[in-house]
């Protein structure tokens, strides 16, 4: 702003005007997915979830049911065998905690295999695979995942075991 004369009260302004013209386009935004990402798939199979920690069992049940699985819950090894006996023709997969009261996961699996030799199982534990193998609870090459496990990874591993 510039005053022409101190005795004048008239103010003059000067400046620059910019006009920006942008093209009108129709473009959609694509959501980027991480490289190698594959959405987890669910299923319609029945899964016996044997987990002695109630919160972990409930969370696992919620996740599996959201992806279409039917879940039968067991709170320990003995309960798992009883629930299997009640539902033996419905169950497609055993999701067994390795360390549980009243029979560990391996003992449950061995007993169920006597009744249904082709039963598929996925073992899960908060203990490392090394620790479990050293204690002789599980053999090498068994289907095993370490807790904590993301729902996505659990679903993928379950699908892998079921599809074998």
N, C-alpha and C. Protein backbone atom coordinates (compact mmCIF):
# COMPACT_ATOMS: atom_id res chain seq x y z
N UNK A 1 0.85 -1.15 0.00
CA UNK A 1 0.00 0.00 0.00
C UNK A 1 0.90 1.22 0.00
N UNK A 2 0.50 2.25 -0.75
CA UNK A 2 1.33 3.42 -0.92
C UNK A 2 0.48 4.67 -0.81
N UNK A 3 0.90 5.62 -0.02
CA UNK A 3 0.21 6.89 0.06
C UNK A 3 0.84 7.82 -0.94
N UNK A 4 0.01 8.47 -1.77
CA UNK A 4 0.54 9.38 -2.78
C UNK A 4 1.08 10.66 -2.15
N UNK A 5 0.37 11.11 -1.22
CA UNK A 5 0.75 12.38 -0.61
C UNK A 5 0.28 12.34 0.82
N UNK A 6 1.06 12.77 1.69
CA UNK A 6 0.69 12.70 3.09
C UNK A 6 -0.54 13.54 3.41
N UNK A 7 -0.81 14.54 2.59
CA UNK A 7 -1.99 15.36 2.84
C UNK A 7 -3.24 14.73 2.24
N UNK A 8 -3.06 13.78 1.34
CA UNK A 8 -4.22 13.13 0.74
C UNK A 8 -4.60 11.90 1.57
N UNK A 9 -5.84 11.66 1.62
CA UNK A 9 -6.30 10.48 2.35
C UNK A 9 -6.66 9.35 1.41
N UNK A 10 -6.40 9.55 0.14
CA UNK A 10 -6.72 8.54 -0.87
C UNK A 10 -5.63 7.46 -0.89
N UNK A 11 -6.04 6.24 -0.87
CA UNK A 11 -5.12 5.12 -0.86
C UNK A 11 -5.24 4.39 -2.19
N UNK A 12 -4.13 4.06 -2.80
CA UNK A 12 -4.16 3.26 -4.03
C UNK A 12 -3.51 1.91 -3.75
N UNK A 13 -4.04 0.94 -4.40
CA UNK A 13 -3.51 -0.42 -4.21
C UNK A 13 -3.01 -0.95 -5.53
N UNK A 14 -1.99 -1.75 -5.44
CA UNK A 14 -1.50 -2.42 -6.65
C UNK A 14 -1.19 -3.86 -6.29
N UNK A 15 -1.22 -4.75 -7.25
CA UNK A 15 -0.95 -6.16 -6.97
C UNK A 15 -1.00 -6.97 -8.23
N UNK A 16 -0.90 -8.25 -8.07
CA UNK A 16 -0.89 -9.18 -9.19
C UNK A 16 -2.03 -10.17 -9.04
N UNK A 17 -2.66 -10.50 -10.13
CA UNK A 17 -3.74 -11.47 -10.14
C UNK A 17 -3.26 -12.71 -10.87
N UNK A 18 -3.46 -13.86 -10.24
CA UNK A 18 -3.11 -15.13 -10.87
C UNK A 18 -4.38 -15.89 -11.17
N UNK A 19 -4.44 -16.50 -12.33
CA UNK A 19 -5.54 -17.38 -12.67
C UNK A 19 -4.93 -18.75 -12.97
N UNK A 20 -5.45 -19.76 -12.29
CA UNK A 20 -4.93 -21.11 -12.49
C UNK A 20 -6.05 -21.95 -13.10
N UNK A 21 -5.75 -22.56 -14.21
CA UNK A 21 -6.71 -23.41 -14.89
C UNK A 21 -6.27 -24.87 -14.74
N UNK A 22 -7.13 -25.68 -14.13
CA UNK A 22 -6.84 -27.10 -13.94
C UNK A 22 -7.76 -27.90 -14.85
N UNK A 23 -7.24 -28.97 -15.41
CA UNK A 23 -8.09 -29.79 -16.28
C UNK A 23 -9.13 -30.55 -15.45
N UNK A 24 -10.29 -30.73 -16.03
CA UNK A 24 -11.33 -31.51 -15.39
C UNK A 24 -11.16 -32.94 -15.85
N UNK A 25 -10.89 -33.83 -14.90
CA UNK A 25 -10.72 -35.24 -15.24
C UNK A 25 -11.52 -36.08 -14.26
N UNK A 26 -11.85 -37.25 -14.72
CA UNK A 26 -12.51 -38.21 -13.85
C UNK A 26 -11.50 -39.31 -13.55
N UNK A 27 -11.02 -39.32 -12.33
CA UNK A 27 -10.04 -40.32 -11.94
C UNK A 27 -10.45 -40.92 -10.61
N UNK A 28 -10.35 -42.22 -10.52
CA UNK A 28 -10.65 -42.90 -9.26
C UNK A 28 -9.37 -43.14 -8.50
N UNK A 29 -9.52 -43.33 -7.23
CA UNK A 29 -8.37 -43.63 -6.39
C UNK A 29 -8.40 -45.12 -6.07
N UNK A 30 -7.32 -45.78 -6.40
CA UNK A 30 -7.21 -47.20 -6.11
C UNK A 30 -6.50 -47.38 -4.80
N UNK A 31 -7.05 -48.25 -3.95
CA UNK A 31 -6.38 -48.56 -2.70
C UNK A 31 -5.22 -49.50 -3.00
N UNK A 32 -4.07 -49.13 -2.53
CA UNK A 32 -2.89 -49.96 -2.74
C UNK A 32 -2.88 -51.09 -1.72
N UNK A 33 -2.52 -52.26 -2.18
CA UNK A 33 -2.39 -53.41 -1.29
C UNK A 33 -0.91 -53.74 -1.21
N UNK A 34 -0.46 -54.17 -0.04
CA UNK A 34 0.94 -54.55 0.09
C UNK A 34 1.29 -55.65 -0.91
N UNK A 35 2.51 -55.64 -1.36
CA UNK A 35 2.98 -56.66 -2.29
C UNK A 35 2.86 -58.03 -1.62
N UNK A 36 2.31 -58.97 -2.31
CA UNK A 36 2.16 -60.32 -1.78
C UNK A 36 0.97 -60.48 -0.85
N UNK A 37 0.14 -59.47 -0.75
CA UNK A 37 -1.01 -59.54 0.15
C UNK A 37 -2.11 -60.40 -0.46
N UNK A 38 -2.63 -61.27 0.33
CA UNK A 38 -3.78 -62.07 -0.07
C UNK A 38 -4.75 -62.05 1.09
N UNK A 39 -5.95 -61.64 0.83
CA UNK A 39 -6.96 -61.58 1.88
C UNK A 39 -7.20 -62.98 2.43
N UNK A 40 -7.36 -63.09 3.75
CA UNK A 40 -7.60 -64.41 4.31
C UNK A 40 -8.96 -64.95 3.87
N UNK A 41 -8.99 -66.24 3.66
CA UNK A 41 -10.26 -66.85 3.29
C UNK A 41 -10.75 -67.69 4.45
N UNK A 42 -12.02 -67.76 4.56
CA UNK A 42 -12.63 -68.53 5.63
C UNK A 42 -13.06 -69.88 5.11
N UNK A 43 -14.06 -70.41 5.76
CA UNK A 43 -14.56 -71.70 5.35
C UNK A 43 -15.86 -72.01 6.06
N UNK A 44 -16.38 -73.17 5.77
CA UNK A 44 -17.64 -73.58 6.39
C UNK A 44 -17.43 -74.78 7.31
N UNK A 45 -16.18 -75.19 7.47
CA UNK A 45 -15.88 -76.36 8.29
C UNK A 45 -16.10 -76.09 9.78
N UNK A 46 -16.24 -77.19 10.53
CA UNK A 46 -16.34 -77.11 11.98
C UNK A 46 -14.94 -77.32 12.57
N UNK A 47 -14.61 -76.48 13.55
CA UNK A 47 -13.29 -76.52 14.19
C UNK A 47 -13.48 -76.69 15.69
N UNK A 48 -12.77 -77.65 16.26
CA UNK A 48 -12.74 -77.81 17.70
C UNK A 48 -11.57 -77.00 18.23
N UNK A 49 -11.86 -75.97 18.99
CA UNK A 49 -10.82 -75.10 19.56
C UNK A 49 -10.64 -75.48 21.03
N UNK A 50 -9.48 -76.05 21.35
CA UNK A 50 -9.16 -76.43 22.72
C UNK A 50 -8.09 -75.47 23.24
N UNK A 51 -8.49 -74.59 24.14
CA UNK A 51 -7.61 -73.54 24.67
C UNK A 51 -8.01 -73.30 26.12
N UNK A 52 -7.04 -73.36 27.04
CA UNK A 52 -7.37 -73.21 28.45
C UNK A 52 -7.51 -71.76 28.90
N UNK A 53 -7.01 -70.81 28.13
CA UNK A 53 -7.17 -69.40 28.46
C UNK A 53 -8.48 -68.90 27.85
N UNK A 54 -9.44 -68.54 28.71
CA UNK A 54 -10.79 -68.17 28.26
C UNK A 54 -10.79 -67.01 27.27
N UNK A 55 -10.00 -65.97 27.53
CA UNK A 55 -9.98 -64.80 26.64
C UNK A 55 -9.46 -65.16 25.26
N UNK A 56 -8.42 -65.97 25.21
CA UNK A 56 -7.84 -66.39 23.92
C UNK A 56 -8.85 -67.26 23.18
N UNK A 57 -9.51 -68.15 23.90
CA UNK A 57 -10.51 -69.04 23.30
C UNK A 57 -11.67 -68.24 22.71
N UNK A 58 -12.17 -67.25 23.46
CA UNK A 58 -13.29 -66.43 22.99
C UNK A 58 -12.89 -65.61 21.76
N UNK A 59 -11.70 -65.02 21.80
CA UNK A 59 -11.24 -64.23 20.65
C UNK A 59 -11.08 -65.11 19.42
N UNK A 60 -10.50 -66.27 19.60
CA UNK A 60 -10.33 -67.20 18.48
C UNK A 60 -11.69 -67.60 17.90
N UNK A 61 -12.63 -67.88 18.78
CA UNK A 61 -13.98 -68.25 18.34
C UNK A 61 -14.60 -67.12 17.53
N UNK A 62 -14.50 -65.89 18.02
CA UNK A 62 -15.08 -64.74 17.33
C UNK A 62 -14.49 -64.59 15.93
N UNK A 63 -13.17 -64.66 15.82
CA UNK A 63 -12.51 -64.50 14.53
C UNK A 63 -12.95 -65.61 13.57
N UNK A 64 -12.92 -66.83 14.03
CA UNK A 64 -13.26 -67.96 13.15
C UNK A 64 -14.72 -67.90 12.69
N UNK A 65 -15.62 -67.54 13.60
CA UNK A 65 -17.02 -67.45 13.22
C UNK A 65 -17.27 -66.31 12.23
N UNK A 66 -16.53 -65.22 12.37
CA UNK A 66 -16.67 -64.11 11.41
C UNK A 66 -16.28 -64.54 10.00
N UNK A 67 -15.43 -65.55 9.90
CA UNK A 67 -15.00 -66.04 8.59
C UNK A 67 -15.71 -67.33 8.19
N UNK A 68 -16.84 -67.62 8.83
CA UNK A 68 -17.71 -68.69 8.38
C UNK A 68 -17.55 -70.04 9.05
N UNK A 69 -16.54 -70.21 9.88
CA UNK A 69 -16.33 -71.50 10.52
C UNK A 69 -17.33 -71.71 11.66
N UNK A 70 -17.65 -72.97 11.91
CA UNK A 70 -18.43 -73.34 13.09
C UNK A 70 -17.41 -73.72 14.15
N UNK A 71 -17.56 -73.17 15.35
CA UNK A 71 -16.57 -73.40 16.40
C UNK A 71 -17.20 -74.16 17.57
N UNK A 72 -16.51 -75.20 17.98
CA UNK A 72 -16.86 -75.94 19.18
C UNK A 72 -15.72 -75.68 20.16
N UNK A 73 -16.06 -75.17 21.34
CA UNK A 73 -15.04 -74.78 22.31
C UNK A 73 -14.80 -75.86 23.36
N UNK A 74 -13.52 -75.98 23.74
CA UNK A 74 -13.15 -76.87 24.85
C UNK A 74 -12.14 -76.11 25.72
N UNK A 75 -12.29 -76.23 27.05
CA UNK A 75 -11.44 -75.44 27.94
C UNK A 75 -10.21 -76.17 28.44
N UNK A 76 -10.09 -77.47 28.15
CA UNK A 76 -8.89 -78.23 28.51
C UNK A 76 -8.85 -79.50 27.67
N UNK A 77 -7.83 -80.30 27.87
CA UNK A 77 -7.67 -81.50 27.05
C UNK A 77 -8.77 -82.52 27.23
N UNK A 78 -9.18 -82.75 28.45
CA UNK A 78 -10.25 -83.70 28.72
C UNK A 78 -11.57 -83.24 28.09
N UNK A 79 -11.86 -81.95 28.23
CA UNK A 79 -13.06 -81.36 27.64
C UNK A 79 -13.02 -81.49 26.11
N UNK A 80 -11.82 -81.33 25.53
CA UNK A 80 -11.66 -81.45 24.08
C UNK A 80 -12.05 -82.85 23.60
N UNK A 81 -11.63 -83.87 24.32
CA UNK A 81 -11.96 -85.24 23.93
C UNK A 81 -13.47 -85.47 24.06
N UNK A 82 -14.06 -84.98 25.14
CA UNK A 82 -15.51 -85.13 25.32
C UNK A 82 -16.28 -84.41 24.21
N UNK A 83 -15.88 -83.19 23.87
CA UNK A 83 -16.57 -82.44 22.82
C UNK A 83 -16.37 -83.11 21.46
N UNK A 84 -15.20 -83.69 21.25
CA UNK A 84 -14.97 -84.42 20.00
C UNK A 84 -15.91 -85.62 19.91
N UNK A 85 -16.03 -86.37 21.00
CA UNK A 85 -16.89 -87.56 21.00
C UNK A 85 -18.34 -87.19 20.70
N UNK A 86 -18.78 -86.05 21.19
CA UNK A 86 -20.15 -85.59 20.95
C UNK A 86 -20.36 -85.12 19.51
N UNK A 87 -19.29 -84.66 18.84
CA UNK A 87 -19.40 -84.04 17.52
C UNK A 87 -18.46 -84.65 16.49
N UNK A 88 -18.05 -85.88 16.67
CA UNK A 88 -16.99 -86.48 15.83
C UNK A 88 -17.27 -86.45 14.34
N UNK A 89 -18.52 -86.52 13.94
CA UNK A 89 -18.83 -86.53 12.51
C UNK A 89 -18.88 -85.12 11.90
N UNK A 90 -18.90 -84.10 12.75
CA UNK A 90 -18.99 -82.72 12.28
C UNK A 90 -17.62 -82.03 12.18
N UNK A 91 -16.68 -82.44 13.02
CA UNK A 91 -15.41 -81.72 13.16
C UNK A 91 -14.45 -82.05 12.03
N UNK A 92 -13.89 -80.98 11.43
CA UNK A 92 -12.93 -81.12 10.33
C UNK A 92 -11.50 -80.81 10.76
N UNK A 93 -11.35 -80.01 11.82
CA UNK A 93 -10.01 -79.58 12.24
C UNK A 93 -9.98 -79.42 13.75
N UNK A 94 -8.85 -79.83 14.33
CA UNK A 94 -8.59 -79.60 15.75
C UNK A 94 -7.61 -78.44 15.84
N UNK A 95 -7.95 -77.42 16.60
CA UNK A 95 -7.03 -76.32 16.90
C UNK A 95 -6.71 -76.48 18.37
N UNK A 96 -5.52 -77.04 18.65
CA UNK A 96 -5.18 -77.47 20.00
C UNK A 96 -4.03 -76.66 20.60
N UNK A 97 -4.27 -76.11 21.78
CA UNK A 97 -3.18 -75.51 22.54
C UNK A 97 -2.28 -76.67 22.96
N UNK A 98 -0.99 -76.47 22.89
CA UNK A 98 -0.06 -77.56 23.19
C UNK A 98 -0.06 -77.87 24.68
N UNK A 99 0.03 -76.85 25.51
CA UNK A 99 0.10 -77.03 26.96
C UNK A 99 -1.25 -76.67 27.57
N UNK A 100 -1.96 -77.69 28.06
CA UNK A 100 -3.27 -77.50 28.69
C UNK A 100 -3.37 -78.42 29.90
N UNK A 101 -4.24 -78.06 30.84
CA UNK A 101 -4.50 -78.98 31.95
C UNK A 101 -5.33 -80.19 31.47
N UNK A 102 -5.27 -81.25 32.23
CA UNK A 102 -6.05 -82.47 31.99
C UNK A 102 -5.81 -83.07 30.61
N UNK A 103 -4.65 -83.12 30.13
CA UNK A 103 -4.15 -83.67 28.86
C UNK A 103 -3.65 -82.53 27.98
N UNK A 104 -2.44 -82.71 27.50
CA UNK A 104 -1.88 -81.70 26.59
C UNK A 104 -2.39 -81.93 25.18
N UNK A 105 -2.07 -81.02 24.29
CA UNK A 105 -2.56 -81.10 22.91
C UNK A 105 -2.17 -82.38 22.20
N UNK A 106 -0.95 -82.84 22.44
CA UNK A 106 -0.49 -84.08 21.78
C UNK A 106 -1.30 -85.28 22.27
N UNK A 107 -1.55 -85.35 23.57
CA UNK A 107 -2.32 -86.46 24.13
C UNK A 107 -3.75 -86.47 23.56
N UNK A 108 -4.33 -85.27 23.44
CA UNK A 108 -5.67 -85.15 22.86
C UNK A 108 -5.66 -85.65 21.43
N UNK A 109 -4.69 -85.19 20.65
CA UNK A 109 -4.60 -85.57 19.24
C UNK A 109 -4.41 -87.08 19.09
N UNK A 110 -3.53 -87.66 19.89
CA UNK A 110 -3.27 -89.11 19.79
C UNK A 110 -4.53 -89.91 20.10
N UNK A 111 -5.29 -89.48 21.10
CA UNK A 111 -6.52 -90.18 21.46
C UNK A 111 -7.58 -90.06 20.36
N UNK A 112 -7.69 -88.87 19.79
CA UNK A 112 -8.68 -88.64 18.73
C UNK A 112 -8.30 -89.40 17.46
N UNK A 113 -7.01 -89.47 17.16
CA UNK A 113 -6.54 -90.20 15.97
C UNK A 113 -6.90 -91.69 16.03
N UNK A 114 -7.02 -92.24 17.23
CA UNK A 114 -7.43 -93.65 17.37
C UNK A 114 -8.87 -93.83 16.89
N UNK A 115 -9.67 -92.79 17.05
CA UNK A 115 -11.08 -92.84 16.66
C UNK A 115 -11.26 -92.42 15.20
N UNK A 116 -10.53 -91.38 14.81
CA UNK A 116 -10.63 -90.83 13.46
C UNK A 116 -9.20 -90.56 12.95
N UNK A 117 -8.57 -91.57 12.33
CA UNK A 117 -7.15 -91.49 11.95
C UNK A 117 -6.79 -90.35 10.99
N UNK A 118 -7.74 -89.89 10.18
CA UNK A 118 -7.43 -88.84 9.21
C UNK A 118 -7.73 -87.43 9.73
N UNK A 119 -7.96 -87.30 11.03
CA UNK A 119 -8.28 -85.99 11.61
C UNK A 119 -7.10 -85.04 11.46
N UNK A 120 -7.40 -83.83 11.00
CA UNK A 120 -6.38 -82.80 10.81
C UNK A 120 -6.28 -81.96 12.07
N UNK A 121 -5.04 -81.52 12.37
CA UNK A 121 -4.83 -80.74 13.59
C UNK A 121 -3.82 -79.62 13.34
N UNK A 122 -4.04 -78.53 14.04
CA UNK A 122 -3.11 -77.41 14.06
C UNK A 122 -2.85 -77.11 15.53
N UNK A 123 -1.57 -77.19 15.90
CA UNK A 123 -1.18 -76.94 17.28
C UNK A 123 -0.75 -75.48 17.43
N UNK A 124 -1.08 -74.92 18.59
CA UNK A 124 -0.77 -73.52 18.85
C UNK A 124 -0.23 -73.41 20.28
N UNK A 125 0.79 -72.55 20.46
CA UNK A 125 1.36 -72.41 21.79
C UNK A 125 2.08 -71.08 21.93
N UNK A 126 2.16 -70.62 23.16
CA UNK A 126 2.96 -69.44 23.49
C UNK A 126 4.42 -69.81 23.71
N UNK A 127 4.69 -71.09 23.84
CA UNK A 127 6.06 -71.57 23.99
C UNK A 127 6.67 -71.74 22.61
N UNK A 128 7.96 -71.52 22.49
CA UNK A 128 8.61 -71.64 21.18
C UNK A 128 8.63 -73.11 20.74
N UNK A 129 8.74 -73.30 19.45
CA UNK A 129 8.79 -74.66 18.89
C UNK A 129 9.99 -75.42 19.44
N UNK A 130 11.12 -74.74 19.62
CA UNK A 130 12.31 -75.37 20.18
C UNK A 130 12.04 -75.95 21.56
N UNK A 131 11.41 -75.14 22.41
CA UNK A 131 11.10 -75.57 23.77
C UNK A 131 10.17 -76.79 23.74
N UNK A 132 9.16 -76.71 22.92
CA UNK A 132 8.17 -77.79 22.84
C UNK A 132 8.81 -79.08 22.32
N UNK A 133 9.67 -78.98 21.31
CA UNK A 133 10.33 -80.17 20.76
C UNK A 133 11.30 -80.76 21.78
N UNK A 134 12.01 -79.90 22.53
CA UNK A 134 12.94 -80.39 23.55
C UNK A 134 12.21 -81.14 24.65
N UNK A 135 11.02 -80.68 25.00
CA UNK A 135 10.21 -81.34 26.03
C UNK A 135 9.53 -82.60 25.49
N UNK A 136 9.61 -82.82 24.17
CA UNK A 136 9.04 -84.01 23.58
C UNK A 136 7.52 -83.98 23.44
N UNK A 137 6.96 -82.78 23.51
CA UNK A 137 5.50 -82.66 23.41
C UNK A 137 5.05 -82.83 21.97
N UNK A 138 5.79 -82.29 21.02
CA UNK A 138 5.43 -82.41 19.60
C UNK A 138 6.64 -82.87 18.79
N UNK A 139 6.35 -83.56 17.70
CA UNK A 139 7.41 -84.01 16.80
C UNK A 139 7.68 -82.93 15.75
N UNK A 140 8.83 -83.04 15.13
CA UNK A 140 9.18 -82.14 14.02
C UNK A 140 8.19 -82.37 12.88
N UNK A 141 7.89 -81.30 12.13
CA UNK A 141 7.04 -81.41 10.96
C UNK A 141 5.55 -81.34 11.24
N UNK A 142 5.18 -81.21 12.49
CA UNK A 142 3.76 -81.11 12.85
C UNK A 142 3.26 -79.70 12.52
N UNK A 143 1.99 -79.53 12.25
CA UNK A 143 1.42 -78.20 11.97
C UNK A 143 1.38 -77.40 13.26
N UNK A 144 2.17 -76.35 13.32
CA UNK A 144 2.35 -75.60 14.56
C UNK A 144 2.45 -74.11 14.27
N UNK A 145 1.77 -73.30 15.10
CA UNK A 145 1.92 -71.84 15.04
C UNK A 145 2.16 -71.32 16.45
N UNK A 146 2.89 -70.23 16.49
CA UNK A 146 3.29 -69.63 17.76
C UNK A 146 2.37 -68.48 18.12
N UNK A 147 1.93 -68.44 19.39
CA UNK A 147 1.13 -67.32 19.90
C UNK A 147 2.08 -66.22 20.34
N UNK A 148 1.70 -64.99 20.23
CA UNK A 148 0.46 -64.53 19.62
C UNK A 148 0.55 -64.62 18.09
N UNK A 149 -0.59 -64.85 17.48
CA UNK A 149 -0.66 -64.94 16.02
C UNK A 149 -1.78 -64.02 15.55
N UNK A 150 -1.54 -63.36 14.45
CA UNK A 150 -2.57 -62.46 13.92
C UNK A 150 -3.72 -63.29 13.37
N UNK A 151 -4.93 -62.75 13.41
CA UNK A 151 -6.06 -63.48 12.83
C UNK A 151 -5.82 -63.87 11.38
N UNK A 152 -5.21 -62.98 10.60
CA UNK A 152 -4.93 -63.26 9.19
C UNK A 152 -4.03 -64.48 9.05
N UNK A 153 -2.95 -64.53 9.82
CA UNK A 153 -2.03 -65.66 9.73
C UNK A 153 -2.65 -66.96 10.23
N UNK A 154 -3.47 -66.85 11.27
CA UNK A 154 -4.16 -68.04 11.77
C UNK A 154 -5.10 -68.60 10.70
N UNK A 155 -5.88 -67.72 10.09
CA UNK A 155 -6.81 -68.15 9.04
C UNK A 155 -6.08 -68.78 7.86
N UNK A 156 -4.97 -68.18 7.46
CA UNK A 156 -4.19 -68.74 6.34
C UNK A 156 -3.65 -70.12 6.68
N UNK A 157 -3.09 -70.26 7.88
CA UNK A 157 -2.52 -71.55 8.29
C UNK A 157 -3.61 -72.62 8.40
N UNK A 158 -4.76 -72.24 8.96
CA UNK A 158 -5.87 -73.19 9.05
C UNK A 158 -6.31 -73.65 7.67
N UNK A 159 -6.44 -72.72 6.75
CA UNK A 159 -6.86 -73.04 5.39
C UNK A 159 -5.84 -73.98 4.75
N UNK A 160 -4.57 -73.72 4.99
CA UNK A 160 -3.50 -74.57 4.44
C UNK A 160 -3.63 -76.00 4.97
N UNK A 161 -3.86 -76.14 6.27
CA UNK A 161 -3.99 -77.48 6.87
C UNK A 161 -5.26 -78.17 6.37
N UNK A 162 -6.36 -77.44 6.31
CA UNK A 162 -7.62 -78.04 5.86
C UNK A 162 -7.55 -78.48 4.40
N UNK A 163 -6.82 -77.75 3.59
CA UNK A 163 -6.76 -78.05 2.15
C UNK A 163 -5.74 -79.12 1.79
N UNK A 164 -4.95 -79.60 2.74
CA UNK A 164 -3.95 -80.64 2.45
C UNK A 164 -4.63 -81.95 2.12
